[in-house]
């Protein structure tokens, strides 16, 4: 388990901007130990996902959200590359 939780301010801002951190609100620092685990993940259960999903989760195939909505998630980063 690798916890990642964004502030309400960041989550709200992302929700208004298709999941993008367009206002450059500081995102939580992610330890290297988490990054190495994320690089091998093919699925996640999460409330929040950081910016640069394809870079941080190169093997990601499935996301299960645990919040009532997902407007704060950048779904454009979850699409298969063409």
PDB file of N, CA and C in Angstrom:
ATOM      1  N   UNK A   1       0.844  -1.170   0.000  1.00  0.00           N
ATOM      2  CA  UNK A   1       0.000   0.000   0.000  1.00  0.00           C
ATOM      3  C   UNK A   1       0.890   1.233   0.000  1.00  0.00           C
ATOM      4  N   UNK A   2       0.598   2.164  -0.894  1.00  0.00           N
ATOM      5  CA  UNK A   2       1.388   3.395  -0.992  1.00  0.00           C
ATOM      6  C   UNK A   2       0.441   4.590  -0.962  1.00  0.00           C
ATOM      7  N   UNK A   3       0.194   5.148   0.211  1.00  0.00           N
ATOM      8  CA  UNK A   3      -0.765   6.247   0.330  1.00  0.00           C
ATOM      9  C   UNK A   3      -0.390   7.468  -0.509  1.00  0.00           C
ATOM     10  N   UNK A   4      -1.408   8.076  -1.109  1.00  0.00           N
ATOM     11  CA  UNK A   4      -1.252   9.338  -1.836  1.00  0.00           C
ATOM     12  C   UNK A   4      -2.560  10.094  -1.674  1.00  0.00           C
ATOM     13  N   UNK A   5      -2.525  11.244  -1.019  1.00  0.00           N
ATOM     14  CA  UNK A   5      -3.735  12.012  -0.760  1.00  0.00           C
ATOM     15  C   UNK A   5      -3.462  13.486  -1.009  1.00  0.00           C
ATOM     16  N   UNK A   6      -4.241  14.075  -1.879  1.00  0.00           N
ATOM     17  CA  UNK A   6      -4.077  15.487  -2.212  1.00  0.00           C
ATOM     18  C   UNK A   6      -4.930  16.360  -1.299  1.00  0.00           C
ATOM     19  N   UNK A   7      -4.562  17.631  -1.206  1.00  0.00           N
ATOM     20  CA  UNK A   7      -5.333  18.584  -0.411  1.00  0.00           C
ATOM     21  C   UNK A   7      -6.693  18.822  -1.069  1.00  0.00           C
ATOM     22  N   UNK A   8      -7.646  19.260  -0.275  1.00  0.00           N
ATOM     23  CA  UNK A   8      -8.966  19.599  -0.817  1.00  0.00           C
ATOM     24  C   UNK A   8      -8.852  20.706  -1.852  1.00  0.00           C
ATOM     25  N   UNK A   9      -7.940  21.655  -1.612  1.00  0.00           N
ATOM     26  CA  UNK A   9      -7.733  22.759  -2.553  1.00  0.00           C
ATOM     27  C   UNK A   9      -7.288  22.238  -3.920  1.00  0.00           C
ATOM     28  N   UNK A  10      -6.316  21.329  -3.927  1.00  0.00           N
ATOM     29  CA  UNK A  10      -5.822  20.776  -5.187  1.00  0.00           C
ATOM     30  C   UNK A  10      -6.895  19.933  -5.866  1.00  0.00           C
ATOM     31  N   UNK A  11      -7.574  19.100  -5.093  1.00  0.00           N
ATOM     32  CA  UNK A  11      -8.616  18.243  -5.661  1.00  0.00           C
ATOM     33  C   UNK A  11      -9.732  19.090  -6.287  1.00  0.00           C
ATOM     34  N   UNK A  12     -10.138  20.154  -5.597  1.00  0.00           N
ATOM     35  CA  UNK A  12     -11.181  21.042  -6.131  1.00  0.00           C
ATOM     36  C   UNK A  12     -10.722  21.744  -7.402  1.00  0.00           C
ATOM     37  N   UNK A  13      -9.479  22.211  -7.404  1.00  0.00           N
ATOM     38  CA  UNK A  13      -8.932  22.881  -8.582  1.00  0.00           C
ATOM     39  C   UNK A  13      -8.882  21.923  -9.768  1.00  0.00           C
ATOM     40  N   UNK A  14      -8.424  20.705  -9.531  1.00  0.00           N
ATOM     41  CA  UNK A  14      -8.393  19.699 -10.600  1.00  0.00           C
ATOM     42  C   UNK A  14      -9.806  19.438 -11.128  1.00  0.00           C
ATOM     43  N   UNK A  15     -10.782  19.389 -10.211  1.00  0.00           N
ATOM     44  CA  UNK A  15     -12.162  19.129 -10.603  1.00  0.00           C
ATOM     45  C   UNK A  15     -12.725  20.183 -11.543  1.00  0.00           C
ATOM     46  N   UNK A  16     -12.229  21.396 -11.423  1.00  0.00           N
ATOM     47  CA  UNK A  16     -12.677  22.490 -12.291  1.00  0.00           C
ATOM     48  C   UNK A  16     -11.892  22.561 -13.596  1.00  0.00           C
ATOM     49  N   UNK A  17     -10.824  21.758 -13.713  1.00  0.00           N
ATOM     50  CA  UNK A  17      -9.921  21.841 -14.867  1.00  0.00           C
ATOM     51  C   UNK A  17      -9.645  20.478 -15.497  1.00  0.00           C
ATOM     52  N   UNK A  18     -10.668  19.632 -15.598  1.00  0.00           N
ATOM     53  CA  UNK A  18     -10.569  18.309 -16.222  1.00  0.00           C
ATOM     54  C   UNK A  18      -9.444  17.447 -15.639  1.00  0.00           C
ATOM     55  N   UNK A  19      -9.189  17.613 -14.341  1.00  0.00           N
ATOM     56  CA  UNK A  19      -8.189  16.796 -13.676  1.00  0.00           C
ATOM     57  C   UNK A  19      -6.775  17.327 -13.756  1.00  0.00           C
ATOM     58  N   UNK A  20      -6.587  18.449 -14.430  1.00  0.00           N
ATOM     59  CA  UNK A  20      -5.243  19.013 -14.611  1.00  0.00           C
ATOM     60  C   UNK A  20      -4.943  19.999 -13.483  1.00  0.00           C
ATOM     61  N   UNK A  21      -3.729  19.967 -12.964  1.00  0.00           N
ATOM     62  CA  UNK A  21      -3.288  20.919 -11.942  1.00  0.00           C
ATOM     63  C   UNK A  21      -2.840  22.206 -12.637  1.00  0.00           C
ATOM     64  N   UNK A  22      -3.789  22.906 -13.243  1.00  0.00           N
ATOM     65  CA  UNK A  22      -3.469  24.081 -14.059  1.00  0.00           C
ATOM     66  C   UNK A  22      -3.059  25.292 -13.237  1.00  0.00           C
ATOM     67  N   UNK A  23      -3.375  25.296 -11.954  1.00  0.00           N
ATOM     68  CA  UNK A  23      -2.995  26.421 -11.100  1.00  0.00           C
ATOM     69  C   UNK A  23      -1.692  26.152 -10.349  1.00  0.00           C
ATOM     70  N   UNK A  24      -1.058  25.041 -10.649  1.00  0.00           N
ATOM     71  CA  UNK A  24       0.239  24.673 -10.056  1.00  0.00           C
ATOM     72  C   UNK A  24       0.237  24.672  -8.534  1.00  0.00           C
ATOM     73  N   UNK A  25      -0.827  24.134  -7.959  1.00  0.00           N
ATOM     74  CA  UNK A  25      -0.874  23.947  -6.510  1.00  0.00           C
ATOM     75  C   UNK A  25       0.092  22.820  -6.171  1.00  0.00           C
ATOM     76  N   UNK A  26       0.817  22.990  -5.084  1.00  0.00           N
ATOM     77  CA  UNK A  26       1.823  21.989  -4.705  1.00  0.00           C
ATOM     78  C   UNK A  26       1.172  20.622  -4.503  1.00  0.00           C
ATOM     79  N   UNK A  27       1.760  19.621  -5.140  1.00  0.00           N
ATOM     80  CA  UNK A  27       1.288  18.248  -5.001  1.00  0.00           C
ATOM     81  C   UNK A  27       2.095  17.552  -3.907  1.00  0.00           C
ATOM     82  N   UNK A  28       1.515  16.532  -3.267  1.00  0.00           N
ATOM     83  CA  UNK A  28       2.244  15.816  -2.219  1.00  0.00           C
ATOM     84  C   UNK A  28       3.555  15.228  -2.745  1.00  0.00           C
ATOM     85  N   UNK A  29       4.565  15.247  -1.905  1.00  0.00           N
ATOM     86  CA  UNK A  29       5.831  14.606  -2.253  1.00  0.00           C
ATOM     87  C   UNK A  29       5.640  13.097  -2.192  1.00  0.00           C
ATOM     88  N   UNK A  30       6.225  12.415  -3.140  1.00  0.00           N
ATOM     89  CA  UNK A  30       6.095  10.960  -3.219  1.00  0.00           C
ATOM     90  C   UNK A  30       7.469  10.346  -2.984  1.00  0.00           C
ATOM     91  N   UNK A  31       7.600   9.509  -1.949  1.00  0.00           N
ATOM     92  CA  UNK A  31       8.895   8.876  -1.683  1.00  0.00           C
ATOM     93  C   UNK A  31       9.340   7.973  -2.838  1.00  0.00           C
ATOM     94  N   UNK A  32      10.644   7.859  -3.014  1.00  0.00           N
ATOM     95  CA  UNK A  32      11.196   6.988  -4.057  1.00  0.00           C
ATOM     96  C   UNK A  32      10.695   5.554  -3.925  1.00  0.00           C
ATOM     97  N   UNK A  33      10.501   5.107  -2.684  1.00  0.00           N
ATOM     98  CA  UNK A  33      10.019   3.735  -2.480  1.00  0.00           C
ATOM     99  C   UNK A  33       8.632   3.545  -3.099  1.00  0.00           C
ATOM    100  N   UNK A  34       7.790   4.571  -3.046  1.00  0.00           N
ATOM    101  CA  UNK A  34       6.467   4.497  -3.670  1.00  0.00           C
ATOM    102  C   UNK A  34       6.602   4.498  -5.189  1.00  0.00           C
ATOM    103  N   UNK A  35       7.484   5.347  -5.698  1.00  0.00           N
ATOM    104  CA  UNK A  35       7.655   5.453  -7.150  1.00  0.00           C
ATOM    105  C   UNK A  35       8.074   4.127  -7.764  1.00  0.00           C
ATOM    106  N   UNK A  36       8.945   3.401  -7.080  1.00  0.00           N
ATOM    107  CA  UNK A  36       9.396   2.115  -7.624  1.00  0.00           C
ATOM    108  C   UNK A  36       8.258   1.092  -7.628  1.00  0.00           C
ATOM    109  N   UNK A  37       7.387   1.152  -6.640  1.00  0.00           N
ATOM    110  CA  UNK A  37       6.220   0.259  -6.608  1.00  0.00           C
ATOM    111  C   UNK A  37       5.226   0.660  -7.696  1.00  0.00           C
ATOM    112  N   UNK A  38       4.979   1.965  -7.825  1.00  0.00           N
ATOM    113  CA  UNK A  38       4.048   2.453  -8.843  1.00  0.00           C
ATOM    114  C   UNK A  38       4.496   2.058 -10.245  1.00  0.00           C
ATOM    115  N   UNK A  39       5.775   2.059 -10.486  1.00  0.00           N
ATOM    116  CA  UNK A  39       6.298   1.728 -11.817  1.00  0.00           C
ATOM    117  C   UNK A  39       5.949   0.296 -12.222  1.00  0.00           C
ATOM    118  N   UNK A  40       5.652  -0.563 -11.256  1.00  0.00           N
ATOM    119  CA  UNK A  40       5.322  -1.963 -11.531  1.00  0.00           C
ATOM    120  C   UNK A  40       3.826  -2.259 -11.454  1.00  0.00           C
ATOM    121  N   UNK A  41       3.024  -1.301 -10.990  1.00  0.00           N
ATOM    122  CA  UNK A  41       1.578  -1.507 -10.807  1.00  0.00           C
ATOM    123  C   UNK A  41       0.844  -1.615 -12.133  1.00  0.00           C
ATOM    124  N   UNK A  42      -0.121  -2.530 -12.184  1.00  0.00           N
ATOM    125  CA  UNK A  42      -1.014  -2.556 -13.344  1.00  0.00           C
ATOM    126  C   UNK A  42      -2.429  -2.146 -12.956  1.00  0.00           C
ATOM    127  N   UNK A  43      -2.679  -1.972 -11.650  1.00  0.00           N
ATOM    128  CA  UNK A  43      -3.982  -1.498 -11.191  1.00  0.00           C
ATOM    129  C   UNK A  43      -3.815  -0.713  -9.894  1.00  0.00           C
ATOM    130  N   UNK A  44      -4.732   0.237  -9.679  1.00  0.00           N
ATOM    131  CA  UNK A  44      -4.713   1.024  -8.444  1.00  0.00           C
ATOM    132  C   UNK A  44      -6.137   1.244  -7.955  1.00  0.00           C
ATOM    133  N   UNK A  45      -6.267   1.373  -6.648  1.00  0.00           N
ATOM    134  CA  UNK A  45      -7.499   1.791  -5.998  1.00  0.00           C
ATOM    135  C   UNK A  45      -7.148   3.100  -5.321  1.00  0.00           C
ATOM    136  N   UNK A  46      -7.799   4.191  -5.727  1.00  0.00           N
ATOM    137  CA  UNK A  46      -7.350   5.496  -5.260  1.00  0.00           C
ATOM    138  C   UNK A  46      -8.462   6.532  -5.235  1.00  0.00           C
ATOM    139  N   UNK A  47      -8.275   7.536  -4.380  1.00  0.00           N
ATOM    140  CA  UNK A  47      -9.108   8.724  -4.412  1.00  0.00           C
ATOM    141  C   UNK A  47      -8.463   9.749  -5.336  1.00  0.00           C
ATOM    142  N   UNK A  48      -7.148   9.878  -5.238  1.00  0.00           N
ATOM    143  CA  UNK A  48      -6.391  10.844  -6.030  1.00  0.00           C
ATOM    144  C   UNK A  48      -5.304  10.136  -6.819  1.00  0.00           C
ATOM    145  N   UNK A  49      -4.956  10.720  -7.955  1.00  0.00           N
ATOM    146  CA  UNK A  49      -3.807  10.268  -8.735  1.00  0.00           C
ATOM    147  C   UNK A  49      -2.959  11.492  -9.048  1.00  0.00           C
ATOM    148  N   UNK A  50      -1.646  11.367  -8.967  1.00  0.00           N
ATOM    149  CA  UNK A  50      -0.776  12.513  -9.234  1.00  0.00           C
ATOM    150  C   UNK A  50      -0.747  12.878 -10.718  1.00  0.00           C
ATOM    151  N   UNK A  51      -0.160  14.010 -11.016  1.00  0.00           N
ATOM    152  CA  UNK A  51       0.072  14.396 -12.411  1.00  0.00           C
ATOM    153  C   UNK A  51       1.075  13.428 -13.028  1.00  0.00           C
ATOM    154  N   UNK A  52       1.098  13.351 -14.333  1.00  0.00           N
ATOM    155  CA  UNK A  52       2.036  12.493 -15.078  1.00  0.00           C
ATOM    156  C   UNK A  52       1.788  11.007 -14.844  1.00  0.00           C
ATOM    157  N   UNK A  53       0.527  10.614 -14.890  1.00  0.00           N
ATOM    158  CA  UNK A  53       0.159   9.217 -14.647  1.00  0.00           C
ATOM    159  C   UNK A  53       0.921   8.249 -15.561  1.00  0.00           C
ATOM    160  N   UNK A  54       1.010   8.488 -16.870  1.00  0.00           N
ATOM    161  CA  UNK A  54       1.724   7.529 -17.732  1.00  0.00           C
ATOM    162  C   UNK A  54       3.202   7.372 -17.363  1.00  0.00           C
ATOM    163  N   UNK A  55       3.816   8.430 -16.897  1.00  0.00           N
ATOM    164  CA  UNK A  55       5.224   8.370 -16.507  1.00  0.00           C
ATOM    165  C   UNK A  55       5.400   7.617 -15.190  1.00  0.00           C
ATOM    166  N   UNK A  56       4.521   7.878 -14.232  1.00  0.00           N
ATOM    167  CA  UNK A  56       4.643   7.268 -12.905  1.00  0.00           C
ATOM    168  C   UNK A  56       4.104   5.842 -12.844  1.00  0.00           C
ATOM    169  N   UNK A  57       3.125   5.534 -13.702  1.00  0.00           N
ATOM    170  CA  UNK A  57       2.484   4.213 -13.724  1.00  0.00           C
ATOM    171  C   UNK A  57       2.530   3.647 -15.145  1.00  0.00           C
ATOM    172  N   UNK A  58       3.682   3.339 -15.675  1.00  0.00           N
ATOM    173  CA  UNK A  58       3.776   2.927 -17.084  1.00  0.00           C
ATOM    174  C   UNK A  58       3.037   1.629 -17.414  1.00  0.00           C
ATOM    175  N   UNK A  59       2.773   0.787 -16.436  1.00  0.00           N
ATOM    176  CA  UNK A  59       2.092  -0.492 -16.683  1.00  0.00           C
ATOM    177  C   UNK A  59       0.609  -0.461 -16.297  1.00  0.00           C
ATOM    178  N   UNK A  60       0.100   0.712 -15.939  1.00  0.00           N
ATOM    179  CA  UNK A  60      -1.266   0.838 -15.439  1.00  0.00           C
ATOM    180  C   UNK A  60      -2.304   0.471 -16.496  1.00  0.00           C
ATOM    181  N   UNK A  61      -3.228  -0.410 -16.116  1.00  0.00           N
ATOM    182  CA  UNK A  61      -4.305  -0.852 -17.005  1.00  0.00           C
ATOM    183  C   UNK A  61      -5.687  -0.582 -16.413  1.00  0.00           C
ATOM    184  N   UNK A  62      -5.775  -0.415 -15.084  1.00  0.00           N
ATOM    185  CA  UNK A  62      -7.077  -0.327 -14.437  1.00  0.00           C
ATOM    186  C   UNK A  62      -6.997   0.592 -13.227  1.00  0.00           C
ATOM    187  N   UNK A  63      -7.998   1.483 -13.085  1.00  0.00           N
ATOM    188  CA  UNK A  63      -8.094   2.381 -11.931  1.00  0.00           C
ATOM    189  C   UNK A  63      -9.479   2.226 -11.322  1.00  0.00           C
ATOM    190  N   UNK A  64      -9.527   1.991 -10.024  1.00  0.00           N
ATOM    191  CA  UNK A  64     -10.793   1.965  -9.290  1.00  0.00           C
ATOM    192  C   UNK A  64     -10.817   3.180  -8.381  1.00  0.00           C
ATOM    193  N   UNK A  65     -11.719   4.104  -8.649  1.00  0.00           N
ATOM    194  CA  UNK A  65     -11.861   5.279  -7.799  1.00  0.00           C
ATOM    195  C   UNK A  65     -12.672   4.955  -6.563  1.00  0.00           C
ATOM    196  N   UNK A  66     -12.377   5.642  -5.458  1.00  0.00           N
ATOM    197  CA  UNK A  66     -13.107   5.421  -4.214  1.00  0.00           C
ATOM    198  C   UNK A  66     -13.900   6.652  -3.788  1.00  0.00           C
ATOM    199  N   UNK A  67     -13.952   7.664  -4.640  1.00  0.00           N
ATOM    200  CA  UNK A  67     -14.716   8.864  -4.307  1.00  0.00           C
ATOM    201  C   UNK A  67     -16.034   8.865  -5.079  1.00  0.00           C
ATOM    202  N   UNK A  68     -16.921   9.788  -4.707  1.00  0.00           N
ATOM    203  CA  UNK A  68     -18.235   9.864  -5.348  1.00  0.00           C
ATOM    204  C   UNK A  68     -18.143  10.338  -6.795  1.00  0.00           C
ATOM    205  N   UNK A  69     -17.096  11.033  -7.131  1.00  0.00           N
ATOM    206  CA  UNK A  69     -16.907  11.509  -8.495  1.00  0.00           C
ATOM    207  C   UNK A  69     -15.473  11.302  -8.926  1.00  0.00           C
ATOM    208  N   UNK A  70     -15.227  11.527 -10.202  1.00  0.00           N
ATOM    209  CA  UNK A  70     -13.852  11.367 -10.695  1.00  0.00           C
ATOM    210  C   UNK A  70     -13.419  12.558 -11.545  1.00  0.00           C
ATOM    211  N   UNK A  71     -14.129  13.682 -11.401  1.00  0.00           N
ATOM    212  CA  UNK A  71     -13.804  14.857 -12.205  1.00  0.00           C
ATOM    213  C   UNK A  71     -12.434  15.441 -11.882  1.00  0.00           C
ATOM    214  N   UNK A  72     -11.872  15.089 -10.736  1.00  0.00           N
ATOM    215  CA  UNK A  72     -10.541  15.575 -10.350  1.00  0.00           C
ATOM    216  C   UNK A  72      -9.415  14.687 -10.896  1.00  0.00           C
ATOM    217  N   UNK A  73      -9.766  13.616 -11.590  1.00  0.00           N
ATOM    218  CA  UNK A  73      -8.779  12.721 -12.199  1.00  0.00           C
ATOM    219  C   UNK A  73      -8.623  13.096 -13.671  1.00  0.00           C
ATOM    220  N   UNK A  74      -7.396  13.230 -14.121  1.00  0.00           N
ATOM    221  CA  UNK A  74      -7.130  13.575 -15.517  1.00  0.00           C
ATOM    222  C   UNK A  74      -7.331  12.321 -16.371  1.00  0.00           C
ATOM    223  N   UNK A  75      -8.560  12.123 -16.832  1.00  0.00           N
ATOM    224  CA  UNK A  75      -8.872  10.914 -17.601  1.00  0.00           C
ATOM    225  C   UNK A  75      -8.136  10.879 -18.933  1.00  0.00           C
ATOM    226  N   UNK A  76      -7.709  12.028 -19.433  1.00  0.00           N
ATOM    227  CA  UNK A  76      -6.924  12.058 -20.666  1.00  0.00           C
ATOM    228  C   UNK A  76      -5.610  11.312 -20.526  1.00  0.00           C
ATOM    229  N   UNK A  77      -5.061  11.293 -19.310  1.00  0.00           N
ATOM    230  CA  UNK A  77      -3.814  10.566 -19.073  1.00  0.00           C
ATOM    231  C   UNK A  77      -4.044   9.067 -18.921  1.00  0.00           C
ATOM    232  N   UNK A  78      -5.293   8.654 -18.804  1.00  0.00           N
ATOM    233  CA  UNK A  78      -5.598   7.232 -18.632  1.00  0.00           C
ATOM    234  C   UNK A  78      -5.882   6.526 -19.950  1.00  0.00           C
ATOM    235  N   UNK A  79      -5.979   7.274 -21.020  1.00  0.00           N
ATOM    236  CA  UNK A  79      -6.266   6.679 -22.323  1.00  0.00           C
ATOM    237  C   UNK A  79      -5.057   5.937 -22.866  1.00  0.00           C
ATOM    238  N   UNK A  80      -5.340   4.875 -23.607  1.00  0.00           N
ATOM    239  CA  UNK A  80      -4.275   4.127 -24.288  1.00  0.00           C
ATOM    240  C   UNK A  80      -3.618   5.028 -25.320  1.00  0.00           C
ATOM    241  N   UNK A  81      -2.293   5.013 -25.424  1.00  0.00           N
ATOM    242  CA  UNK A  81      -1.641   5.802 -26.477  1.00  0.00           C
ATOM    243  C   UNK A  81      -2.055   5.289 -27.854  1.00  0.00           C
ATOM    244  N   UNK A  82      -2.210   6.214 -28.780  1.00  0.00           N
ATOM    245  CA  UNK A  82      -2.623   5.817 -30.133  1.00  0.00           C
ATOM    246  C   UNK A  82      -1.437   5.481 -30.989  1.00  0.00           C
TER     247      UNK A  82
END
